[in-house]
Amino acid sequence: MIIRKCAGGVVFHNNKVFILKNDKGHWVLPKGKIRNGSLAVETALKRVKIEGGVEGIIVSTAGETSYEFFSLSRQQPVYNFITWYIMEAQSEIFKINRDLGFQDGGFFSIEEAMEKITHNQDKSLVNLSFKKYLEIKEMDEIKEVYV
């Protein structure tokens, strides 16, 4: 079995979340394999930029997920372990990387994203991350009042 460490981002802007439609027609979050001694945080920011053209800023950790699949090209099982980060985009500007096979994407309301997202694990991640993101934003607003 191949074990891959990956990292990705749950990116929010104005109460919307960024998701992508991949080459299998699945709606997913941007993520990728951690390569060449890179840090998970670096990989997450890079994949958000490469896959969706989104400039994200990390505001918190989001957690970890994992899944297993059978790779037809490698003819063996692959176990992906993903470290996730909650990110904030300064704008809704994005550019889907069609060269990587992405068919669609963008910032969607949480409700619309929940309808689109293919995997339940990703839905849970977005739901929990959005709650945490709102708490962080609320704390930032409170801090601004006292500074």
N, C-alpha and C. Protein backbone atom coordinates (compact mmCIF):
# COMPACT_ATOMS: atom_id res chain seq x y z
N MET A 1 0.83 -1.18 0.00
CA MET A 1 0.00 0.00 0.00
C MET A 1 0.88 1.25 0.00
N ILE A 2 0.50 2.20 -0.83
CA ILE A 2 1.18 3.49 -0.86
C ILE A 2 0.51 4.40 0.16
N ILE A 3 1.30 5.05 0.99
CA ILE A 3 0.77 6.01 1.96
C ILE A 3 1.25 7.40 1.54
N ARG A 4 0.28 8.30 1.34
CA ARG A 4 0.61 9.66 0.89
C ARG A 4 0.14 10.67 1.93
N LYS A 5 1.04 11.56 2.30
CA LYS A 5 0.67 12.68 3.17
C LYS A 5 0.32 13.86 2.27
N CYS A 6 -0.83 14.44 2.53
CA CYS A 6 -1.33 15.53 1.71
C CYS A 6 -1.76 16.69 2.61
N ALA A 7 -2.03 17.83 1.99
CA ALA A 7 -2.54 18.99 2.72
C ALA A 7 -3.47 19.77 1.81
N GLY A 8 -4.43 20.44 2.44
CA GLY A 8 -5.39 21.20 1.65
C GLY A 8 -6.01 22.34 2.45
N GLY A 9 -6.85 23.10 1.75
CA GLY A 9 -7.45 24.27 2.36
C GLY A 9 -8.96 24.30 2.23
N VAL A 10 -9.60 24.76 3.30
CA VAL A 10 -11.02 25.07 3.31
C VAL A 10 -11.07 26.59 3.31
N VAL A 11 -11.32 27.17 2.13
CA VAL A 11 -11.15 28.60 1.92
C VAL A 11 -12.50 29.32 1.94
N PHE A 12 -12.60 30.34 2.80
CA PHE A 12 -13.83 31.11 2.93
C PHE A 12 -13.63 32.55 2.48
N HIS A 13 -14.71 33.13 1.97
CA HIS A 13 -14.77 34.56 1.69
C HIS A 13 -16.24 34.98 1.74
N ASN A 14 -16.54 35.97 2.58
CA ASN A 14 -17.92 36.47 2.72
C ASN A 14 -18.94 35.34 2.89
N ASN A 15 -18.67 34.46 3.83
CA ASN A 15 -19.58 33.34 4.15
C ASN A 15 -19.82 32.39 2.99
N LYS A 16 -18.85 32.32 2.09
CA LYS A 16 -18.88 31.36 1.00
C LYS A 16 -17.62 30.50 1.10
N VAL A 17 -17.68 29.31 0.52
CA VAL A 17 -16.53 28.40 0.56
C VAL A 17 -16.14 28.05 -0.87
N PHE A 18 -14.84 27.86 -1.09
CA PHE A 18 -14.32 27.54 -2.41
C PHE A 18 -14.25 26.03 -2.60
N ILE A 19 -14.89 25.55 -3.68
CA ILE A 19 -14.84 24.13 -4.01
C ILE A 19 -14.57 23.97 -5.51
N LEU A 20 -14.12 22.78 -5.88
CA LEU A 20 -13.76 22.48 -7.26
C LEU A 20 -14.46 21.21 -7.73
N LYS A 21 -14.75 21.16 -9.02
CA LYS A 21 -15.27 19.93 -9.63
C LYS A 21 -14.12 19.28 -10.38
N ASN A 22 -13.72 18.08 -9.95
CA ASN A 22 -12.54 17.43 -10.54
C ASN A 22 -12.88 16.65 -11.81
N ASP A 23 -11.89 15.97 -12.35
CA ASP A 23 -12.04 15.25 -13.62
C ASP A 23 -12.96 14.04 -13.52
N LYS A 24 -13.31 13.64 -12.31
CA LYS A 24 -14.26 12.53 -12.12
C LYS A 24 -15.68 13.05 -11.92
N GLY A 25 -15.82 14.39 -11.95
CA GLY A 25 -17.12 15.00 -11.72
C GLY A 25 -17.46 15.16 -10.25
N HIS A 26 -16.47 14.95 -9.37
CA HIS A 26 -16.67 15.10 -7.93
C HIS A 26 -16.38 16.53 -7.50
N TRP A 27 -17.23 17.06 -6.63
CA TRP A 27 -16.97 18.38 -6.03
C TRP A 27 -16.13 18.16 -4.79
N VAL A 28 -14.96 18.79 -4.76
CA VAL A 28 -13.95 18.55 -3.72
C VAL A 28 -13.33 19.86 -3.25
N LEU A 29 -12.51 19.75 -2.24
CA LEU A 29 -11.71 20.87 -1.73
C LEU A 29 -10.31 20.78 -2.32
N PRO A 30 -9.64 21.92 -2.51
CA PRO A 30 -8.27 21.87 -3.05
C PRO A 30 -7.30 21.22 -2.08
N LYS A 31 -6.50 20.29 -2.62
CA LYS A 31 -5.52 19.59 -1.79
C LYS A 31 -4.48 18.95 -2.70
N GLY A 32 -3.36 18.54 -2.11
CA GLY A 32 -2.34 17.86 -2.90
C GLY A 32 -1.31 17.18 -2.02
N LYS A 33 -0.49 16.38 -2.66
CA LYS A 33 0.55 15.62 -1.98
C LYS A 33 1.65 16.55 -1.49
N ILE A 34 2.12 16.30 -0.28
CA ILE A 34 3.26 17.04 0.28
C ILE A 34 4.52 16.47 -0.36
N ARG A 35 5.29 17.31 -1.03
CA ARG A 35 6.46 16.85 -1.78
C ARG A 35 7.76 17.51 -1.31
N ASN A 36 8.85 16.81 -1.54
CA ASN A 36 10.20 17.35 -1.39
C ASN A 36 10.45 18.08 -0.07
N GLY A 37 10.01 17.49 1.02
CA GLY A 37 10.28 18.08 2.33
C GLY A 37 9.51 19.34 2.64
N SER A 38 8.51 19.67 1.83
CA SER A 38 7.68 20.84 2.10
C SER A 38 6.89 20.62 3.38
N LEU A 39 6.47 21.71 3.98
CA LEU A 39 5.59 21.64 5.14
C LEU A 39 4.15 21.52 4.67
N ALA A 40 3.31 20.94 5.51
CA ALA A 40 1.89 20.80 5.18
C ALA A 40 1.27 22.17 4.88
N VAL A 41 1.61 23.15 5.68
CA VAL A 41 1.04 24.49 5.52
C VAL A 41 1.43 25.09 4.16
N GLU A 42 2.66 24.89 3.74
CA GLU A 42 3.12 25.38 2.44
C GLU A 42 2.37 24.69 1.30
N THR A 43 2.21 23.38 1.44
CA THR A 43 1.51 22.60 0.41
C THR A 43 0.06 23.05 0.30
N ALA A 44 -0.61 23.25 1.42
CA ALA A 44 -2.01 23.66 1.41
C ALA A 44 -2.18 25.00 0.68
N LEU A 45 -1.36 25.97 1.01
CA LEU A 45 -1.43 27.29 0.35
C LEU A 45 -1.14 27.17 -1.15
N LYS A 46 -0.13 26.37 -1.47
CA LYS A 46 0.27 26.19 -2.87
C LYS A 46 -0.83 25.52 -3.69
N ARG A 47 -1.46 24.48 -3.13
CA ARG A 47 -2.50 23.76 -3.88
C ARG A 47 -3.73 24.62 -4.09
N VAL A 48 -4.09 25.43 -3.11
CA VAL A 48 -5.22 26.35 -3.26
C VAL A 48 -4.94 27.32 -4.41
N LYS A 49 -3.71 27.80 -4.47
CA LYS A 49 -3.30 28.73 -5.53
C LYS A 49 -3.23 28.03 -6.89
N ILE A 50 -2.60 26.86 -6.94
CA ILE A 50 -2.41 26.14 -8.21
C ILE A 50 -3.75 25.63 -8.77
N GLU A 51 -4.55 25.03 -7.93
CA GLU A 51 -5.78 24.40 -8.41
C GLU A 51 -6.89 25.40 -8.70
N GLY A 52 -6.97 26.45 -7.87
CA GLY A 52 -8.08 27.39 -8.03
C GLY A 52 -7.72 28.83 -8.26
N GLY A 53 -6.42 29.14 -8.26
CA GLY A 53 -6.01 30.53 -8.46
C GLY A 53 -6.41 31.44 -7.32
N VAL A 54 -6.62 30.87 -6.14
CA VAL A 54 -7.08 31.64 -4.98
C VAL A 54 -5.90 31.93 -4.06
N GLU A 55 -5.79 33.19 -3.66
CA GLU A 55 -4.79 33.61 -2.67
C GLU A 55 -5.41 33.47 -1.29
N GLY A 56 -4.99 32.45 -0.55
CA GLY A 56 -5.53 32.22 0.78
C GLY A 56 -4.56 32.62 1.88
N ILE A 57 -5.13 32.97 3.00
CA ILE A 57 -4.36 33.26 4.21
C ILE A 57 -4.85 32.28 5.27
N ILE A 58 -3.95 31.56 5.90
CA ILE A 58 -4.35 30.58 6.91
C ILE A 58 -4.76 31.29 8.19
N VAL A 59 -5.95 30.91 8.69
CA VAL A 59 -6.44 31.48 9.94
C VAL A 59 -6.45 30.46 11.08
N SER A 60 -6.43 29.17 10.73
CA SER A 60 -6.44 28.13 11.76
C SER A 60 -6.23 26.76 11.12
N THR A 61 -5.98 25.78 11.97
CA THR A 61 -6.01 24.39 11.50
C THR A 61 -7.47 23.96 11.42
N ALA A 62 -7.74 22.99 10.57
CA ALA A 62 -9.12 22.50 10.41
C ALA A 62 -9.25 21.05 10.85
N GLY A 63 -8.15 20.33 10.89
CA GLY A 63 -8.21 18.93 11.26
C GLY A 63 -7.56 18.04 10.22
N GLU A 64 -7.85 16.76 10.33
CA GLU A 64 -7.25 15.78 9.43
C GLU A 64 -8.33 14.81 8.97
N THR A 65 -8.17 14.36 7.75
CA THR A 65 -9.05 13.32 7.21
C THR A 65 -8.17 12.29 6.51
N SER A 66 -8.77 11.16 6.19
CA SER A 66 -8.04 10.15 5.43
C SER A 66 -9.03 9.30 4.65
N TYR A 67 -8.52 8.71 3.59
CA TYR A 67 -9.32 7.77 2.81
C TYR A 67 -8.39 6.87 2.02
N GLU A 68 -8.96 5.77 1.57
CA GLU A 68 -8.20 4.79 0.82
C GLU A 68 -8.89 4.54 -0.52
N PHE A 69 -8.10 4.32 -1.55
CA PHE A 69 -8.65 3.98 -2.86
C PHE A 69 -7.67 3.06 -3.58
N PHE A 70 -8.16 2.41 -4.63
CA PHE A 70 -7.30 1.55 -5.42
C PHE A 70 -6.84 2.32 -6.65
N SER A 71 -5.54 2.47 -6.81
CA SER A 71 -4.97 3.17 -7.96
C SER A 71 -4.85 2.21 -9.14
N LEU A 72 -5.58 2.50 -10.20
CA LEU A 72 -5.50 1.67 -11.39
C LEU A 72 -4.13 1.78 -12.06
N SER A 73 -3.57 2.99 -12.05
CA SER A 73 -2.27 3.18 -12.69
C SER A 73 -1.14 2.49 -11.93
N ARG A 74 -1.24 2.45 -10.61
CA ARG A 74 -0.19 1.80 -9.81
C ARG A 74 -0.54 0.35 -9.46
N GLN A 75 -1.79 -0.02 -9.71
CA GLN A 75 -2.26 -1.39 -9.42
C GLN A 75 -2.06 -1.77 -7.95
N GLN A 76 -2.34 -0.81 -7.06
CA GLN A 76 -2.28 -1.09 -5.63
C GLN A 76 -3.08 -0.05 -4.85
N PRO A 77 -3.43 -0.36 -3.61
CA PRO A 77 -4.18 0.60 -2.81
C PRO A 77 -3.32 1.80 -2.42
N VAL A 78 -3.98 2.95 -2.29
CA VAL A 78 -3.33 4.18 -1.85
C VAL A 78 -4.11 4.72 -0.66
N TYR A 79 -3.38 5.11 0.37
CA TYR A 79 -3.98 5.69 1.57
C TYR A 79 -3.56 7.15 1.63
N ASN A 80 -4.54 8.05 1.52
CA ASN A 80 -4.27 9.49 1.60
C ASN A 80 -4.59 9.98 3.00
N PHE A 81 -3.64 10.65 3.61
CA PHE A 81 -3.80 11.28 4.92
C PHE A 81 -3.66 12.78 4.71
N ILE A 82 -4.75 13.54 4.95
CA ILE A 82 -4.76 14.97 4.60
C ILE A 82 -4.83 15.84 5.85
N THR A 83 -3.93 16.81 5.96
CA THR A 83 -3.97 17.84 6.97
C THR A 83 -4.65 19.06 6.35
N TRP A 84 -5.68 19.57 7.00
CA TRP A 84 -6.47 20.67 6.46
C TRP A 84 -6.26 21.96 7.24
N TYR A 85 -6.37 23.07 6.52
CA TYR A 85 -6.26 24.39 7.12
C TYR A 85 -7.46 25.24 6.73
N ILE A 86 -7.96 26.01 7.68
CA ILE A 86 -8.99 26.99 7.39
C ILE A 86 -8.28 28.22 6.85
N MET A 87 -8.75 28.69 5.70
CA MET A 87 -8.14 29.85 5.05
C MET A 87 -9.20 30.90 4.75
N GLU A 88 -8.71 32.11 4.59
CA GLU A 88 -9.57 33.21 4.18
C GLU A 88 -8.99 33.82 2.91
N ALA A 89 -9.85 34.06 1.94
CA ALA A 89 -9.43 34.75 0.72
C ALA A 89 -9.82 36.21 0.85
N GLN A 90 -8.99 37.08 0.32
CA GLN A 90 -9.27 38.52 0.39
C GLN A 90 -10.29 38.96 -0.66
N SER A 91 -10.53 38.10 -1.65
CA SER A 91 -11.53 38.40 -2.69
C SER A 91 -12.08 37.09 -3.22
N GLU A 92 -13.08 37.18 -4.08
CA GLU A 92 -13.65 35.98 -4.70
C GLU A 92 -13.02 35.72 -6.07
N ILE A 93 -11.85 36.28 -6.31
CA ILE A 93 -11.16 36.05 -7.57
C ILE A 93 -10.59 34.63 -7.56
N PHE A 94 -10.83 33.90 -8.64
CA PHE A 94 -10.31 32.55 -8.76
C PHE A 94 -10.09 32.24 -10.24
N LYS A 95 -9.29 31.21 -10.50
CA LYS A 95 -9.06 30.75 -11.87
C LYS A 95 -8.86 29.24 -11.81
N ILE A 96 -9.87 28.52 -12.28
CA ILE A 96 -9.84 27.06 -12.25
C ILE A 96 -8.72 26.55 -13.16
N ASN A 97 -7.89 25.65 -12.65
CA ASN A 97 -6.79 25.09 -13.43
C ASN A 97 -7.31 23.89 -14.23
N ARG A 98 -7.74 24.17 -15.43
CA ARG A 98 -8.30 23.12 -16.30
C ARG A 98 -7.21 22.16 -16.78
N ASP A 99 -5.95 22.61 -16.79
CA ASP A 99 -4.84 21.74 -17.18
C ASP A 99 -4.68 20.57 -16.21
N LEU A 100 -5.14 20.74 -14.97
CA LEU A 100 -5.09 19.67 -13.97
C LEU A 100 -6.36 18.83 -13.98
N GLY A 101 -7.27 19.14 -14.90
CA GLY A 101 -8.49 18.34 -15.04
C GLY A 101 -9.70 18.88 -14.32
N PHE A 102 -9.56 20.03 -13.68
CA PHE A 102 -10.72 20.60 -12.99
C PHE A 102 -11.69 21.18 -14.01
N GLN A 103 -12.97 20.86 -13.82
CA GLN A 103 -13.99 21.24 -14.78
C GLN A 103 -14.75 22.50 -14.39
N ASP A 104 -14.82 22.77 -13.10
CA ASP A 104 -15.63 23.88 -12.60
C ASP A 104 -15.18 24.20 -11.19
N GLY A 105 -15.71 25.26 -10.65
CA GLY A 105 -15.39 25.62 -9.28
C GLY A 105 -15.78 27.04 -8.99
N GLY A 106 -15.58 27.43 -7.74
CA GLY A 106 -15.87 28.79 -7.34
C GLY A 106 -16.25 28.87 -5.88
N PHE A 107 -16.63 30.07 -5.48
CA PHE A 107 -17.10 30.31 -4.12
C PHE A 107 -18.61 30.14 -4.11
N PHE A 108 -19.09 29.30 -3.20
CA PHE A 108 -20.52 29.01 -3.10
C PHE A 108 -20.97 29.22 -1.66
N SER A 109 -22.24 29.57 -1.49
CA SER A 109 -22.79 29.66 -0.14
C SER A 109 -22.61 28.29 0.52
N ILE A 110 -22.59 28.27 1.83
CA ILE A 110 -22.39 27.01 2.54
C ILE A 110 -23.48 26.02 2.16
N GLU A 111 -24.72 26.50 2.06
CA GLU A 111 -25.84 25.62 1.72
C GLU A 111 -25.65 25.01 0.33
N GLU A 112 -25.29 25.84 -0.64
CA GLU A 112 -25.09 25.34 -2.00
C GLU A 112 -23.90 24.39 -2.08
N ALA A 113 -22.84 24.73 -1.36
CA ALA A 113 -21.66 23.87 -1.34
C ALA A 113 -22.00 22.50 -0.76
N MET A 114 -22.80 22.49 0.30
CA MET A 114 -23.19 21.22 0.93
C MET A 114 -23.98 20.34 -0.04
N GLU A 115 -24.76 20.96 -0.90
CA GLU A 115 -25.51 20.19 -1.90
C GLU A 115 -24.57 19.64 -2.97
N LYS A 116 -23.53 20.40 -3.31
CA LYS A 116 -22.62 20.00 -4.39
C LYS A 116 -21.55 19.01 -3.95
N ILE A 117 -20.96 19.23 -2.79
CA ILE A 117 -19.81 18.43 -2.35
C ILE A 117 -20.15 16.94 -2.38
N THR A 118 -19.29 16.17 -3.00
CA THR A 118 -19.54 14.75 -3.26
C THR A 118 -19.39 13.87 -2.02
N HIS A 119 -18.32 14.07 -1.27
CA HIS A 119 -17.98 13.15 -0.17
C HIS A 119 -18.45 13.69 1.18
N ASN A 120 -19.10 12.82 1.96
CA ASN A 120 -19.62 13.23 3.27
C ASN A 120 -18.53 13.74 4.20
N GLN A 121 -17.34 13.15 4.10
CA GLN A 121 -16.21 13.58 4.93
C GLN A 121 -15.87 15.06 4.65
N ASP A 122 -15.92 15.45 3.38
CA ASP A 122 -15.66 16.84 3.01
C ASP A 122 -16.79 17.76 3.48
N LYS A 123 -18.02 17.27 3.42
CA LYS A 123 -19.16 18.07 3.91
C LYS A 123 -18.99 18.36 5.40
N SER A 124 -18.65 17.33 6.16
CA SER A 124 -18.44 17.51 7.61
C SER A 124 -17.30 18.49 7.87
N LEU A 125 -16.23 18.35 7.11
CA LEU A 125 -15.07 19.23 7.26
C LEU A 125 -15.46 20.69 7.00
N VAL A 126 -16.21 20.93 5.94
CA VAL A 126 -16.64 22.30 5.62
C VAL A 126 -17.56 22.84 6.72
N ASN A 127 -18.49 22.03 7.16
CA ASN A 127 -19.43 22.45 8.20
C ASN A 127 -18.71 22.83 9.49
N LEU A 128 -17.82 21.97 9.96
CA LEU A 128 -17.08 22.25 11.19
C LEU A 128 -16.11 23.42 11.02
N SER A 129 -15.48 23.50 9.86
CA SER A 129 -14.53 24.58 9.59
C SER A 129 -15.24 25.92 9.53
N PHE A 130 -16.45 25.95 8.96
CA PHE A 130 -17.19 27.20 8.87
C PHE A 130 -17.57 27.70 10.26
N LYS A 131 -17.99 26.80 11.13
CA LYS A 131 -18.32 27.20 12.50
C LYS A 131 -17.08 27.78 13.19
N LYS A 132 -15.95 27.11 13.03
CA LYS A 132 -14.71 27.58 13.65
C LYS A 132 -14.28 28.92 13.04
N TYR A 133 -14.44 29.05 11.73
CA TYR A 133 -14.09 30.29 11.04
C TYR A 133 -14.92 31.46 11.58
N LEU A 134 -16.23 31.25 11.75
CA LEU A 134 -17.09 32.31 12.28
C LEU A 134 -16.69 32.69 13.70
N GLU A 135 -16.31 31.70 14.51
CA GLU A 135 -15.85 31.99 15.87
C GLU A 135 -14.58 32.82 15.85
N ILE A 136 -13.66 32.50 14.96
CA ILE A 136 -12.41 33.24 14.84
C ILE A 136 -12.69 34.68 14.40
N LYS A 137 -13.57 34.85 13.42
CA LYS A 137 -13.92 36.19 12.94
C LYS A 137 -14.57 37.01 14.06
N GLU A 138 -15.42 36.37 14.85
CA GLU A 138 -16.08 37.05 15.96
C GLU A 138 -15.05 37.50 17.00
N MET A 139 -14.08 36.63 17.30
CA MET A 139 -13.03 36.99 18.26
C MET A 139 -12.19 38.14 17.72
N ASP A 140 -11.91 38.13 16.41
CA ASP A 140 -11.14 39.22 15.80
C ASP A 140 -11.88 40.54 15.95
N GLU A 141 -13.21 40.51 15.76
CA GLU A 141 -14.01 41.74 15.89
C GLU A 141 -14.00 42.24 17.33
N ILE A 142 -14.07 41.32 18.29
CA ILE A 142 -14.02 41.71 19.71
C ILE A 142 -12.67 42.33 20.04
N LYS A 143 -11.59 41.73 19.53
CA LYS A 143 -10.25 42.27 19.77
C LYS A 143 -10.12 43.69 19.23
N GLU A 144 -10.69 43.94 18.04
CA GLU A 144 -10.61 45.26 17.42
C GLU A 144 -11.28 46.32 18.28
N VAL A 145 -12.34 45.95 18.98
CA VAL A 145 -13.07 46.88 19.84
C VAL A 145 -12.18 47.32 21.00
N TYR A 146 -11.36 46.41 21.50
CA TYR A 146 -10.53 46.68 22.66
C TYR A 146 -9.12 47.17 22.35
N VAL A 147 -8.79 47.25 21.09
CA VAL A 147 -7.44 47.69 20.73
C VAL A 147 -7.43 49.16 20.38
